Amino acid sequence: MESAGALGWVAITPAPAPFVAEMGEAGIFYGNRVLYAFRDKPDGKAHVEFVNTFRPLYPALSAYVKEYHTTGLT
């Protein structure tokens, strides 16, 4: 997924939370493309489930980073 780069927040200083949020938004954009492409296909259920399961990860990660690592990893 496009948003996997958000896991690199550990190298971002001084404020990694906006980076995580931005990458999460990129993931939502591409996830929507996957949902659109596979919504009516009989073999698309796994793709739709993956996107719907993966989607809440980045808002939660962004909130965690914002709360506990506001100036980067210490």
N, C-alpha and C. Protein backbone atom coordinates (compact mmCIF):
# COMPACT_ATOMS: atom_id res chain seq x y z
N MET A 1 0.82 -1.19 0.00
CA MET A 1 0.00 0.00 0.00
C MET A 1 0.86 1.24 0.00
N GLU A 2 0.33 2.26 -0.57
CA GLU A 2 1.02 3.54 -0.68
C GLU A 2 1.34 4.11 0.70
N SER A 3 0.52 3.84 1.67
CA SER A 3 0.69 4.43 3.00
C SER A 3 1.74 3.73 3.85
N ALA A 4 2.35 2.69 3.36
CA ALA A 4 3.35 1.97 4.14
C ALA A 4 4.53 2.86 4.51
N GLY A 5 4.78 3.89 3.72
CA GLY A 5 5.85 4.82 4.03
C GLY A 5 5.67 5.54 5.35
N ALA A 6 4.45 5.58 5.85
CA ALA A 6 4.18 6.23 7.14
C ALA A 6 4.90 5.54 8.28
N LEU A 7 5.26 4.29 8.07
CA LEU A 7 6.00 3.57 9.12
C LEU A 7 7.41 4.12 9.29
N GLY A 8 7.84 4.95 8.37
CA GLY A 8 9.13 5.61 8.48
C GLY A 8 9.10 6.85 9.36
N TRP A 9 8.02 7.04 10.10
CA TRP A 9 7.89 8.21 10.97
C TRP A 9 9.01 8.28 11.98
N VAL A 10 9.63 7.15 12.28
CA VAL A 10 10.69 7.13 13.29
C VAL A 10 11.90 7.97 12.87
N ALA A 11 12.02 8.26 11.58
CA ALA A 11 13.15 9.05 11.09
C ALA A 11 12.79 10.51 10.84
N ILE A 12 11.54 10.88 11.09
CA ILE A 12 11.08 12.24 10.82
C ILE A 12 11.18 13.08 12.09
N THR A 13 11.83 14.24 11.98
CA THR A 13 11.88 15.19 13.08
C THR A 13 11.61 16.57 12.50
N PRO A 14 11.10 17.50 13.18
CA PRO A 14 10.72 17.50 14.58
C PRO A 14 9.27 17.08 14.83
N ALA A 15 8.44 16.94 13.81
CA ALA A 15 7.02 16.62 14.04
C ALA A 15 6.57 15.51 13.09
N PRO A 16 6.65 14.26 13.53
CA PRO A 16 6.30 13.16 12.64
C PRO A 16 4.79 12.92 12.46
N ALA A 17 3.95 13.42 13.35
CA ALA A 17 2.50 13.14 13.27
C ALA A 17 1.89 13.63 11.96
N PRO A 18 2.19 14.85 11.48
CA PRO A 18 1.63 15.27 10.19
C PRO A 18 2.09 14.38 9.03
N PHE A 19 3.31 13.88 9.11
CA PHE A 19 3.82 12.97 8.08
C PHE A 19 2.99 11.68 8.05
N VAL A 20 2.72 11.13 9.23
CA VAL A 20 1.92 9.91 9.32
C VAL A 20 0.51 10.17 8.78
N ALA A 21 -0.07 11.29 9.14
CA ALA A 21 -1.41 11.63 8.67
C ALA A 21 -1.44 11.78 7.15
N GLU A 22 -0.43 12.42 6.60
CA GLU A 22 -0.38 12.62 5.14
C GLU A 22 -0.23 11.29 4.41
N MET A 23 0.61 10.43 4.91
CA MET A 23 0.78 9.13 4.27
C MET A 23 -0.48 8.28 4.43
N GLY A 24 -1.16 8.42 5.56
CA GLY A 24 -2.42 7.73 5.75
C GLY A 24 -3.47 8.18 4.75
N GLU A 25 -3.49 9.48 4.47
CA GLU A 25 -4.42 10.00 3.47
C GLU A 25 -4.10 9.46 2.08
N ALA A 26 -2.83 9.31 1.78
CA ALA A 26 -2.44 8.70 0.51
C ALA A 26 -2.94 7.26 0.44
N GLY A 27 -2.84 6.56 1.56
CA GLY A 27 -3.34 5.19 1.61
C GLY A 27 -4.84 5.12 1.41
N ILE A 28 -5.56 6.07 1.97
CA ILE A 28 -7.02 6.11 1.79
C ILE A 28 -7.35 6.36 0.31
N PHE A 29 -6.61 7.27 -0.32
CA PHE A 29 -6.82 7.55 -1.73
C PHE A 29 -6.66 6.29 -2.57
N TYR A 30 -5.56 5.60 -2.39
CA TYR A 30 -5.33 4.39 -3.18
C TYR A 30 -6.23 3.24 -2.73
N GLY A 31 -6.56 3.20 -1.46
CA GLY A 31 -7.51 2.20 -0.98
C GLY A 31 -8.87 2.37 -1.63
N ASN A 32 -9.28 3.61 -1.82
CA ASN A 32 -10.55 3.87 -2.51
C ASN A 32 -10.50 3.37 -3.95
N ARG A 33 -9.35 3.49 -4.58
CA ARG A 33 -9.21 2.97 -5.94
C ARG A 33 -9.34 1.45 -5.96
N VAL A 34 -8.77 0.79 -4.96
CA VAL A 34 -8.90 -0.67 -4.86
C VAL A 34 -10.35 -1.04 -4.61
N LEU A 35 -11.01 -0.34 -3.71
CA LEU A 35 -12.42 -0.62 -3.43
C LEU A 35 -13.26 -0.45 -4.69
N TYR A 36 -13.00 0.59 -5.44
CA TYR A 36 -13.76 0.83 -6.66
C TYR A 36 -13.50 -0.27 -7.70
N ALA A 37 -12.25 -0.68 -7.83
CA ALA A 37 -11.89 -1.67 -8.84
C ALA A 37 -12.42 -3.06 -8.51
N PHE A 38 -12.52 -3.40 -7.23
CA PHE A 38 -12.86 -4.76 -6.85
C PHE A 38 -14.23 -4.91 -6.21
N ARG A 39 -15.00 -3.87 -6.13
CA ARG A 39 -16.27 -3.95 -5.41
C ARG A 39 -17.27 -4.90 -6.04
N ASP A 40 -17.28 -5.03 -7.35
CA ASP A 40 -18.26 -5.89 -8.01
C ASP A 40 -17.67 -7.18 -8.56
N LYS A 41 -16.42 -7.43 -8.28
CA LYS A 41 -15.78 -8.62 -8.82
C LYS A 41 -15.93 -9.78 -7.83
N PRO A 42 -16.20 -10.97 -8.33
CA PRO A 42 -16.40 -12.11 -7.43
C PRO A 42 -15.15 -12.47 -6.63
N ASP A 43 -13.97 -12.21 -7.18
CA ASP A 43 -12.73 -12.53 -6.46
C ASP A 43 -12.18 -11.32 -5.72
N GLY A 44 -12.96 -10.25 -5.60
CA GLY A 44 -12.49 -9.02 -4.98
C GLY A 44 -12.72 -8.92 -3.49
N LYS A 45 -13.38 -9.90 -2.90
CA LYS A 45 -13.72 -9.82 -1.47
C LYS A 45 -12.47 -9.66 -0.60
N ALA A 46 -11.43 -10.40 -0.90
CA ALA A 46 -10.20 -10.31 -0.09
C ALA A 46 -9.59 -8.92 -0.17
N HIS A 47 -9.62 -8.31 -1.34
CA HIS A 47 -9.06 -6.97 -1.51
C HIS A 47 -9.86 -5.94 -0.71
N VAL A 48 -11.17 -6.05 -0.78
CA VAL A 48 -12.04 -5.13 -0.05
C VAL A 48 -11.85 -5.30 1.45
N GLU A 49 -11.76 -6.53 1.92
CA GLU A 49 -11.54 -6.78 3.35
C GLU A 49 -10.20 -6.23 3.80
N PHE A 50 -9.17 -6.39 2.98
CA PHE A 50 -7.85 -5.88 3.34
C PHE A 50 -7.89 -4.37 3.51
N VAL A 51 -8.46 -3.67 2.54
CA VAL A 51 -8.52 -2.21 2.61
C VAL A 51 -9.32 -1.77 3.83
N ASN A 52 -10.45 -2.40 4.06
CA ASN A 52 -11.29 -2.01 5.20
C ASN A 52 -10.65 -2.34 6.54
N THR A 53 -9.81 -3.34 6.59
CA THR A 53 -9.11 -3.69 7.82
C THR A 53 -7.91 -2.77 8.04
N PHE A 54 -7.22 -2.44 6.97
CA PHE A 54 -6.00 -1.65 7.05
C PHE A 54 -6.27 -0.17 7.29
N ARG A 55 -7.41 0.31 6.84
CA ARG A 55 -7.74 1.74 6.85
C ARG A 55 -7.64 2.40 8.24
N PRO A 56 -8.11 1.81 9.32
CA PRO A 56 -8.05 2.49 10.63
C PRO A 56 -6.65 2.55 11.25
N LEU A 57 -5.70 1.85 10.68
CA LEU A 57 -4.36 1.80 11.27
C LEU A 57 -3.69 3.17 11.33
N TYR A 58 -3.75 3.93 10.25
CA TYR A 58 -2.99 5.18 10.19
C TYR A 58 -3.57 6.31 11.02
N PRO A 59 -4.88 6.48 11.11
CA PRO A 59 -5.37 7.49 12.07
C PRO A 59 -4.97 7.14 13.51
N ALA A 60 -5.00 5.86 13.84
CA ALA A 60 -4.59 5.45 15.19
C ALA A 60 -3.10 5.68 15.40
N LEU A 61 -2.29 5.36 14.39
CA LEU A 61 -0.84 5.59 14.49
C LEU A 61 -0.54 7.08 14.60
N SER A 62 -1.24 7.89 13.83
CA SER A 62 -1.04 9.33 13.89
C SER A 62 -1.38 9.88 15.28
N ALA A 63 -2.46 9.42 15.85
CA ALA A 63 -2.85 9.86 17.20
C ALA A 63 -1.81 9.42 18.23
N TYR A 64 -1.30 8.20 18.09
CA TYR A 64 -0.27 7.70 19.01
C TYR A 64 1.00 8.55 18.91
N VAL A 65 1.44 8.79 17.69
CA VAL A 65 2.67 9.57 17.49
C VAL A 65 2.48 11.00 18.01
N LYS A 66 1.32 11.56 17.76
CA LYS A 66 1.05 12.93 18.22
C LYS A 66 1.05 13.02 19.74
N GLU A 67 0.55 11.98 20.39
CA GLU A 67 0.47 12.01 21.85
C GLU A 67 1.80 11.70 22.53
N TYR A 68 2.52 10.70 22.02
CA TYR A 68 3.71 10.22 22.73
C TYR A 68 5.05 10.63 22.10
N HIS A 69 5.05 11.05 20.86
CA HIS A 69 6.32 11.39 20.18
C HIS A 69 6.16 12.67 19.36
N THR A 70 5.73 13.73 19.99
CA THR A 70 5.44 14.97 19.28
C THR A 70 6.66 15.58 18.59
N THR A 71 7.84 15.36 19.12
CA THR A 71 9.04 15.92 18.50
C THR A 71 9.92 14.86 17.87
N GLY A 72 9.39 13.69 17.67
CA GLY A 72 10.15 12.60 17.07
C GLY A 72 10.45 11.52 18.08
N LEU A 73 11.10 10.50 17.60
CA LEU A 73 11.44 9.36 18.45
C LEU A 73 12.60 9.74 19.37
N THR A 74 12.41 9.50 20.65
CA THR A 74 13.48 9.83 21.61
C THR A 74 13.89 8.62 22.38
